[in-house]
Amino acid sequence: MKSFLLKAVQNGCVSHLRQEHARGKYADLLVAEESAVTHETEEYILYSELFIRLEEAMACLSPVFRLQIGNK
């Protein structure tokens, strides 16, 4: 009976450690995904603002110069 109880406790501990390890890996994955999404969003906003500024600058150019830049 004693060996059965010891083995049951040991199995319970191993199971608990496996679950904790899996939770840790899942939490790391969530943090990494959140970081990637945040980075992609910031990058999108940056390029959107850059594109708007570029269009504004192009609008200030003469039509002839604008066509020359557009053809390159």
PDB file of N, CA and C in Angstrom:
ATOM      1  N   MET A   1       0.826  -1.197   0.000  1.00  0.00           N
ATOM      2  CA  MET A   1       0.000   0.000   0.000  1.00  0.00           C
ATOM      3  C   MET A   1       0.868   1.259   0.000  1.00  0.00           C
ATOM      4  N   LYS A   2       1.976   1.219   0.768  1.00  0.00           N
ATOM      5  CA  LYS A   2       2.856   2.386   0.861  1.00  0.00           C
ATOM      6  C   LYS A   2       3.456   2.714  -0.501  1.00  0.00           C
ATOM      7  N   SER A   3       3.906   1.709  -1.245  1.00  0.00           N
ATOM      8  CA  SER A   3       4.517   1.954  -2.550  1.00  0.00           C
ATOM      9  C   SER A   3       3.481   2.507  -3.536  1.00  0.00           C
ATOM     10  N   PHE A   4       2.236   2.034  -3.418  1.00  0.00           N
ATOM     11  CA  PHE A   4       1.166   2.552  -4.277  1.00  0.00           C
ATOM     12  C   PHE A   4       0.946   4.040  -4.027  1.00  0.00           C
ATOM     13  N   LEU A   5       0.882   4.445  -2.767  1.00  0.00           N
ATOM     14  CA  LEU A   5       0.671   5.856  -2.428  1.00  0.00           C
ATOM     15  C   LEU A   5       1.844   6.722  -2.885  1.00  0.00           C
ATOM     16  N   LEU A   6       3.057   6.216  -2.692  1.00  0.00           N
ATOM     17  CA  LEU A   6       4.237   6.967  -3.136  1.00  0.00           C
ATOM     18  C   LEU A   6       4.232   7.146  -4.658  1.00  0.00           C
ATOM     19  N   LYS A   7       3.875   6.078  -5.373  1.00  0.00           N
ATOM     20  CA  LYS A   7       3.822   6.146  -6.835  1.00  0.00           C
ATOM     21  C   LYS A   7       2.709   7.096  -7.284  1.00  0.00           C
ATOM     22  N   ALA A   8       1.578   7.093  -6.591  1.00  0.00           N
ATOM     23  CA  ALA A   8       0.471   7.989  -6.926  1.00  0.00           C
ATOM     24  C   ALA A   8       0.881   9.441  -6.730  1.00  0.00           C
ATOM     25  N   VAL A   9       1.572   9.717  -5.646  1.00  0.00           N
ATOM     26  CA  VAL A   9       2.058  11.079  -5.386  1.00  0.00           C
ATOM     27  C   VAL A   9       3.089  11.474  -6.435  1.00  0.00           C
ATOM     28  N   GLN A  10       3.999  10.559  -6.754  1.00  0.00           N
ATOM     29  CA  GLN A  10       5.025  10.832  -7.758  1.00  0.00           C
ATOM     30  C   GLN A  10       4.368  11.126  -9.116  1.00  0.00           C
ATOM     31  N   ASN A  11       3.411  10.323  -9.517  1.00  0.00           N
ATOM     32  CA  ASN A  11       2.712  10.541 -10.784  1.00  0.00           C
ATOM     33  C   ASN A  11       1.957  11.868 -10.780  1.00  0.00           C
ATOM     34  N   GLY A  12       1.353  12.194  -9.658  1.00  0.00           N
ATOM     35  CA  GLY A  12       0.653  13.469  -9.542  1.00  0.00           C
ATOM     36  C   GLY A  12       1.603  14.646  -9.693  1.00  0.00           C
ATOM     37  N   CYS A  13       2.780  14.530  -9.089  1.00  0.00           N
ATOM     38  CA  CYS A  13       3.788  15.597  -9.194  1.00  0.00           C
ATOM     39  C   CYS A  13       4.288  15.744 -10.627  1.00  0.00           C
ATOM     40  N   VAL A  14       4.559  14.616 -11.277  1.00  0.00           N
ATOM     41  CA  VAL A  14       5.024  14.648 -12.666  1.00  0.00           C
ATOM     42  C   VAL A  14       3.950  15.267 -13.552  1.00  0.00           C
ATOM     43  N   SER A  15       2.724  14.892 -13.342  1.00  0.00           N
ATOM     44  CA  SER A  15       1.612  15.446 -14.116  1.00  0.00           C
ATOM     45  C   SER A  15       1.508  16.964 -13.912  1.00  0.00           C
ATOM     46  N   HIS A  16       1.630  17.377 -12.672  1.00  0.00           N
ATOM     47  CA  HIS A  16       1.568  18.808 -12.359  1.00  0.00           C
ATOM     48  C   HIS A  16       2.700  19.565 -13.057  1.00  0.00           C
ATOM     49  N   LEU A  17       3.917  19.022 -12.998  1.00  0.00           N
ATOM     50  CA  LEU A  17       5.064  19.666 -13.641  1.00  0.00           C
ATOM     51  C   LEU A  17       4.882  19.748 -15.157  1.00  0.00           C
ATOM     52  N   ARG A  18       4.319  18.723 -15.755  1.00  0.00           N
ATOM     53  CA  ARG A  18       4.044  18.746 -17.195  1.00  0.00           C
ATOM     54  C   ARG A  18       3.038  19.843 -17.537  1.00  0.00           C
ATOM     55  N   GLN A  19       2.005  19.959 -16.731  1.00  0.00           N
ATOM     56  CA  GLN A  19       1.000  20.988 -16.966  1.00  0.00           C
ATOM     57  C   GLN A  19       1.590  22.386 -16.821  1.00  0.00           C
ATOM     58  N   GLU A  20       2.410  22.583 -15.819  1.00  0.00           N
ATOM     59  CA  GLU A  20       3.053  23.883 -15.614  1.00  0.00           C
ATOM     60  C   GLU A  20       3.973  24.220 -16.785  1.00  0.00           C
ATOM     61  N   HIS A  21       4.704  23.217 -17.253  1.00  0.00           N
ATOM     62  CA  HIS A  21       5.598  23.422 -18.395  1.00  0.00           C
ATOM     63  C   HIS A  21       4.790  23.814 -19.631  1.00  0.00           C
ATOM     64  N   ALA A  22       3.675  23.113 -19.872  1.00  0.00           N
ATOM     65  CA  ALA A  22       2.826  23.413 -21.021  1.00  0.00           C
ATOM     66  C   ALA A  22       2.235  24.819 -20.903  1.00  0.00           C
ATOM     67  N   ARG A  23       1.809  25.196 -19.715  1.00  0.00           N
ATOM     68  CA  ARG A  23       1.273  26.551 -19.504  1.00  0.00           C
ATOM     69  C   ARG A  23       2.335  27.613 -19.779  1.00  0.00           C
ATOM     70  N   GLY A  24       3.552  27.339 -19.334  1.00  0.00           N
ATOM     71  CA  GLY A  24       4.650  28.273 -19.570  1.00  0.00           C
ATOM     72  C   GLY A  24       4.938  28.439 -21.052  1.00  0.00           C
ATOM     73  N   LYS A  25       4.956  27.332 -21.780  1.00  0.00           N
ATOM     74  CA  LYS A  25       5.196  27.402 -23.223  1.00  0.00           C
ATOM     75  C   LYS A  25       4.064  28.161 -23.914  1.00  0.00           C
ATOM     76  N   TYR A  26       2.817  27.913 -23.503  1.00  0.00           N
ATOM     77  CA  TYR A  26       1.669  28.585 -24.091  1.00  0.00           C
ATOM     78  C   TYR A  26       1.711  30.084 -23.782  1.00  0.00           C
ATOM     79  N   ALA A  27       2.071  30.437 -22.572  1.00  0.00           N
ATOM     80  CA  ALA A  27       2.174  31.850 -22.198  1.00  0.00           C
ATOM     81  C   ALA A  27       3.266  32.539 -23.011  1.00  0.00           C
ATOM     82  N   ASP A  28       4.399  31.870 -23.203  1.00  0.00           N
ATOM     83  CA  ASP A  28       5.478  32.435 -24.023  1.00  0.00           C
ATOM     84  C   ASP A  28       5.011  32.644 -25.456  1.00  0.00           C
ATOM     85  N   LEU A  29       4.256  31.682 -25.974  1.00  0.00           N
ATOM     86  CA  LEU A  29       3.743  31.784 -27.326  1.00  0.00           C
ATOM     87  C   LEU A  29       2.786  32.967 -27.449  1.00  0.00           C
ATOM     88  N   LEU A  30       1.909  33.150 -26.469  1.00  0.00           N
ATOM     89  CA  LEU A  30       0.978  34.280 -26.503  1.00  0.00           C
ATOM     90  C   LEU A  30       1.709  35.615 -26.469  1.00  0.00           C
ATOM     91  N   VAL A  31       2.727  35.711 -25.640  1.00  0.00           N
ATOM     92  CA  VAL A  31       3.508  36.950 -25.551  1.00  0.00           C
ATOM     93  C   VAL A  31       4.202  37.221 -26.878  1.00  0.00           C
ATOM     94  N   ALA A  32       4.767  36.187 -27.499  1.00  0.00           N
ATOM     95  CA  ALA A  32       5.452  36.355 -28.782  1.00  0.00           C
ATOM     96  C   ALA A  32       4.479  36.789 -29.866  1.00  0.00           C
ATOM     97  N   GLU A  33       3.290  36.189 -29.903  1.00  0.00           N
ATOM     98  CA  GLU A  33       2.288  36.558 -30.904  1.00  0.00           C
ATOM     99  C   GLU A  33       1.819  37.986 -30.691  1.00  0.00           C
ATOM    100  N   GLU A  34       1.591  38.359 -29.439  1.00  0.00           N
ATOM    101  CA  GLU A  34       1.151  39.718 -29.134  1.00  0.00           C
ATOM    102  C   GLU A  34       2.210  40.721 -29.569  1.00  0.00           C
ATOM    103  N   SER A  35       3.453  40.391 -29.333  1.00  0.00           N
ATOM    104  CA  SER A  35       4.555  41.266 -29.727  1.00  0.00           C
ATOM    105  C   SER A  35       4.602  41.411 -31.243  1.00  0.00           C
ATOM    106  N   ALA A  36       4.411  40.304 -31.963  1.00  0.00           N
ATOM    107  CA  ALA A  36       4.433  40.341 -33.424  1.00  0.00           C
ATOM    108  C   ALA A  36       3.282  41.175 -33.959  1.00  0.00           C
ATOM    109  N   VAL A  37       2.092  41.016 -33.399  1.00  0.00           N
ATOM    110  CA  VAL A  37       0.931  41.783 -33.843  1.00  0.00           C
ATOM    111  C   VAL A  37       1.146  43.268 -33.577  1.00  0.00           C
ATOM    112  N   THR A  38       1.671  43.592 -32.410  1.00  0.00           N
ATOM    113  CA  THR A  38       1.944  44.983 -32.075  1.00  0.00           C
ATOM    114  C   THR A  38       2.950  45.569 -33.045  1.00  0.00           C
ATOM    115  N   HIS A  39       3.998  44.806 -33.359  1.00  0.00           N
ATOM    116  CA  HIS A  39       5.031  45.274 -34.283  1.00  0.00           C
ATOM    117  C   HIS A  39       4.441  45.486 -35.674  1.00  0.00           C
ATOM    118  N   GLU A  40       3.619  44.542 -36.151  1.00  0.00           N
ATOM    119  CA  GLU A  40       2.996  44.668 -37.464  1.00  0.00           C
ATOM    120  C   GLU A  40       2.078  45.885 -37.514  1.00  0.00           C
ATOM    121  N   THR A  41       1.338  46.133 -36.454  1.00  0.00           N
ATOM    122  CA  THR A  41       0.439  47.281 -36.401  1.00  0.00           C
ATOM    123  C   THR A  41       1.231  48.580 -36.438  1.00  0.00           C
ATOM    124  N   GLU A  42       2.285  48.661 -35.644  1.00  0.00           N
ATOM    125  CA  GLU A  42       3.111  49.863 -35.635  1.00  0.00           C
ATOM    126  C   GLU A  42       3.761  50.088 -36.995  1.00  0.00           C
ATOM    127  N   GLU A  43       4.211  49.014 -37.624  1.00  0.00           N
ATOM    128  CA  GLU A  43       4.830  49.111 -38.943  1.00  0.00           C
ATOM    129  C   GLU A  43       3.811  49.592 -39.974  1.00  0.00           C
ATOM    130  N   TYR A  44       2.594  49.073 -39.911  1.00  0.00           N
ATOM    131  CA  TYR A  44       1.532  49.482 -40.829  1.00  0.00           C
ATOM    132  C   TYR A  44       1.236  50.975 -40.673  1.00  0.00           C
ATOM    133  N   ILE A  45       1.128  51.420 -39.431  1.00  0.00           N
ATOM    134  CA  ILE A  45       0.853  52.843 -39.174  1.00  0.00           C
ATOM    135  C   ILE A  45       1.995  53.705 -39.696  1.00  0.00           C
ATOM    136  N   LEU A  46       3.220  53.283 -39.460  1.00  0.00           N
ATOM    137  CA  LEU A  46       4.386  54.033 -39.920  1.00  0.00           C
ATOM    138  C   LEU A  46       4.381  54.161 -41.444  1.00  0.00           C
ATOM    139  N   TYR A  47       4.180  53.043 -42.152  1.00  0.00           N
ATOM    140  CA  TYR A  47       4.171  53.087 -43.606  1.00  0.00           C
ATOM    141  C   TYR A  47       2.972  53.868 -44.140  1.00  0.00           C
ATOM    142  N   SER A  48       1.840  53.815 -43.470  1.00  0.00           N
ATOM    143  CA  SER A  48       0.679  54.597 -43.883  1.00  0.00           C
ATOM    144  C   SER A  48       0.978  56.085 -43.771  1.00  0.00           C
ATOM    145  N   GLU A  49       1.570  56.495 -42.660  1.00  0.00           N
ATOM    146  CA  GLU A  49       1.930  57.904 -42.479  1.00  0.00           C
ATOM    147  C   GLU A  49       2.984  58.325 -43.503  1.00  0.00           C
ATOM    148  N   LEU A  50       3.942  57.449 -43.761  1.00  0.00           N
ATOM    149  CA  LEU A  50       4.988  57.742 -44.738  1.00  0.00           C
ATOM    150  C   LEU A  50       4.380  57.922 -46.124  1.00  0.00           C
ATOM    151  N   PHE A  51       3.448  57.056 -46.493  1.00  0.00           N
ATOM    152  CA  PHE A  51       2.795  57.149 -47.792  1.00  0.00           C
ATOM    153  C   PHE A  51       2.012  58.456 -47.919  1.00  0.00           C
ATOM    154  N   ILE A  52       1.310  58.840 -46.875  1.00  0.00           N
ATOM    155  CA  ILE A  52       0.553  60.098 -46.891  1.00  0.00           C
ATOM    156  C   ILE A  52       1.494  61.285 -47.073  1.00  0.00           C
ATOM    157  N   ARG A  53       2.592  61.292 -46.337  1.00  0.00           N
ATOM    158  CA  ARG A  53       3.572  62.381 -46.463  1.00  0.00           C
ATOM    159  C   ARG A  53       4.186  62.417 -47.858  1.00  0.00           C
ATOM    160  N   LEU A  54       4.445  61.247 -48.429  1.00  0.00           N
ATOM    161  CA  LEU A  54       5.004  61.175 -49.772  1.00  0.00           C
ATOM    162  C   LEU A  54       4.018  61.736 -50.792  1.00  0.00           C
ATOM    163  N   GLU A  55       2.759  61.385 -50.665  1.00  0.00           N
ATOM    164  CA  GLU A  55       1.738  61.929 -51.568  1.00  0.00           C
ATOM    165  C   GLU A  55       1.639  63.446 -51.437  1.00  0.00           C
ATOM    166  N   GLU A  56       1.704  63.949 -50.198  1.00  0.00           N
ATOM    167  CA  GLU A  56       1.663  65.395 -49.988  1.00  0.00           C
ATOM    168  C   GLU A  56       2.859  66.076 -50.644  1.00  0.00           C
ATOM    169  N   ALA A  57       4.038  65.479 -50.513  1.00  0.00           N
ATOM    170  CA  ALA A  57       5.235  66.055 -51.120  1.00  0.00           C
ATOM    171  C   ALA A  57       5.142  66.009 -52.642  1.00  0.00           C
ATOM    172  N   MET A  58       4.639  64.910 -53.175  1.00  0.00           N
ATOM    173  CA  MET A  58       4.488  64.791 -54.627  1.00  0.00           C
ATOM    174  C   MET A  58       3.496  65.820 -55.164  1.00  0.00           C
ATOM    175  N   ALA A  59       2.461  66.131 -54.392  1.00  0.00           N
ATOM    176  CA  ALA A  59       1.458  67.109 -54.823  1.00  0.00           C
ATOM    177  C   ALA A  59       2.066  68.505 -54.932  1.00  0.00           C
ATOM    178  N   CYS A  60       3.125  68.777 -54.197  1.00  0.00           N
ATOM    179  CA  CYS A  60       3.775  70.083 -54.236  1.00  0.00           C
ATOM    180  C   CYS A  60       4.696  70.243 -55.444  1.00  0.00           C
ATOM    181  N   LEU A  61       5.041  69.154 -56.101  1.00  0.00           N
ATOM    182  CA  LEU A  61       5.950  69.205 -57.243  1.00  0.00           C
ATOM    183  C   LEU A  61       5.211  69.648 -58.501  1.00  0.00           C
ATOM    184  N   SER A  62       5.973  70.145 -59.458  1.00  0.00           N
ATOM    185  CA  SER A  62       5.364  70.517 -60.739  1.00  0.00           C
ATOM    186  C   SER A  62       4.917  69.249 -61.450  1.00  0.00           C
ATOM    187  N   PRO A  63       3.874  69.347 -62.280  1.00  0.00           N
ATOM    188  CA  PRO A  63       3.371  68.158 -62.981  1.00  0.00           C
ATOM    189  C   PRO A  63       4.433  67.473 -63.844  1.00  0.00           C
ATOM    190  N   VAL A  64       5.301  68.233 -64.471  1.00  0.00           N
ATOM    191  CA  VAL A  64       6.342  67.646 -65.323  1.00  0.00           C
ATOM    192  C   VAL A  64       7.314  66.834 -64.466  1.00  0.00           C
ATOM    193  N   PHE A  65       7.756  67.408 -63.371  1.00  0.00           N
ATOM    194  CA  PHE A  65       8.698  66.715 -62.485  1.00  0.00           C
ATOM    195  C   PHE A  65       8.038  65.485 -61.862  1.00  0.00           C
ATOM    196  N   ARG A  66       6.762  65.610 -61.521  1.00  0.00           N
ATOM    197  CA  ARG A  66       6.019  64.483 -60.937  1.00  0.00           C
ATOM    198  C   ARG A  66       5.964  63.317 -61.919  1.00  0.00           C
ATOM    199  N   LEU A  67       5.730  63.609 -63.204  1.00  0.00           N
ATOM    200  CA  LEU A  67       5.699  62.553 -64.210  1.00  0.00           C
ATOM    201  C   LEU A  67       7.060  61.901 -64.369  1.00  0.00           C
ATOM    202  N   GLN A  68       8.131  62.715 -64.309  1.00  0.00           N
ATOM    203  CA  GLN A  68       9.473  62.161 -64.453  1.00  0.00           C
ATOM    204  C   GLN A  68       9.795  61.220 -63.291  1.00  0.00           C
ATOM    205  N   ILE A  69       9.420  61.581 -62.101  1.00  0.00           N
ATOM    206  CA  ILE A  69       9.662  60.718 -60.932  1.00  0.00           C
ATOM    207  C   ILE A  69       8.816  59.453 -61.013  1.00  0.00           C
ATOM    208  N   GLY A  70       7.577  59.615 -61.445  1.00  0.00           N
ATOM    209  CA  GLY A  70       6.669  58.472 -61.543  1.00  0.00           C
ATOM    210  C   GLY A  70       7.106  57.451 -62.565  1.00  0.00           C
ATOM    211  N   ASN A  71       7.834  57.865 -63.593  1.00  0.00           N
ATOM    212  CA  ASN A  71       8.276  56.935 -64.654  1.00  0.00           C
ATOM    213  C   ASN A  71       9.532  56.165 -64.266  1.00  0.00           C
ATOM    214  N   LYS A  72      10.188  56.523 -63.201  1.00  0.00           N
ATOM    215  CA  LYS A  72      11.429  55.834 -62.818  1.00  0.00           C
ATOM    216  C   LYS A  72      11.154  54.659 -61.943  1.00  0.00           C
TER     217      LYS A  72
END
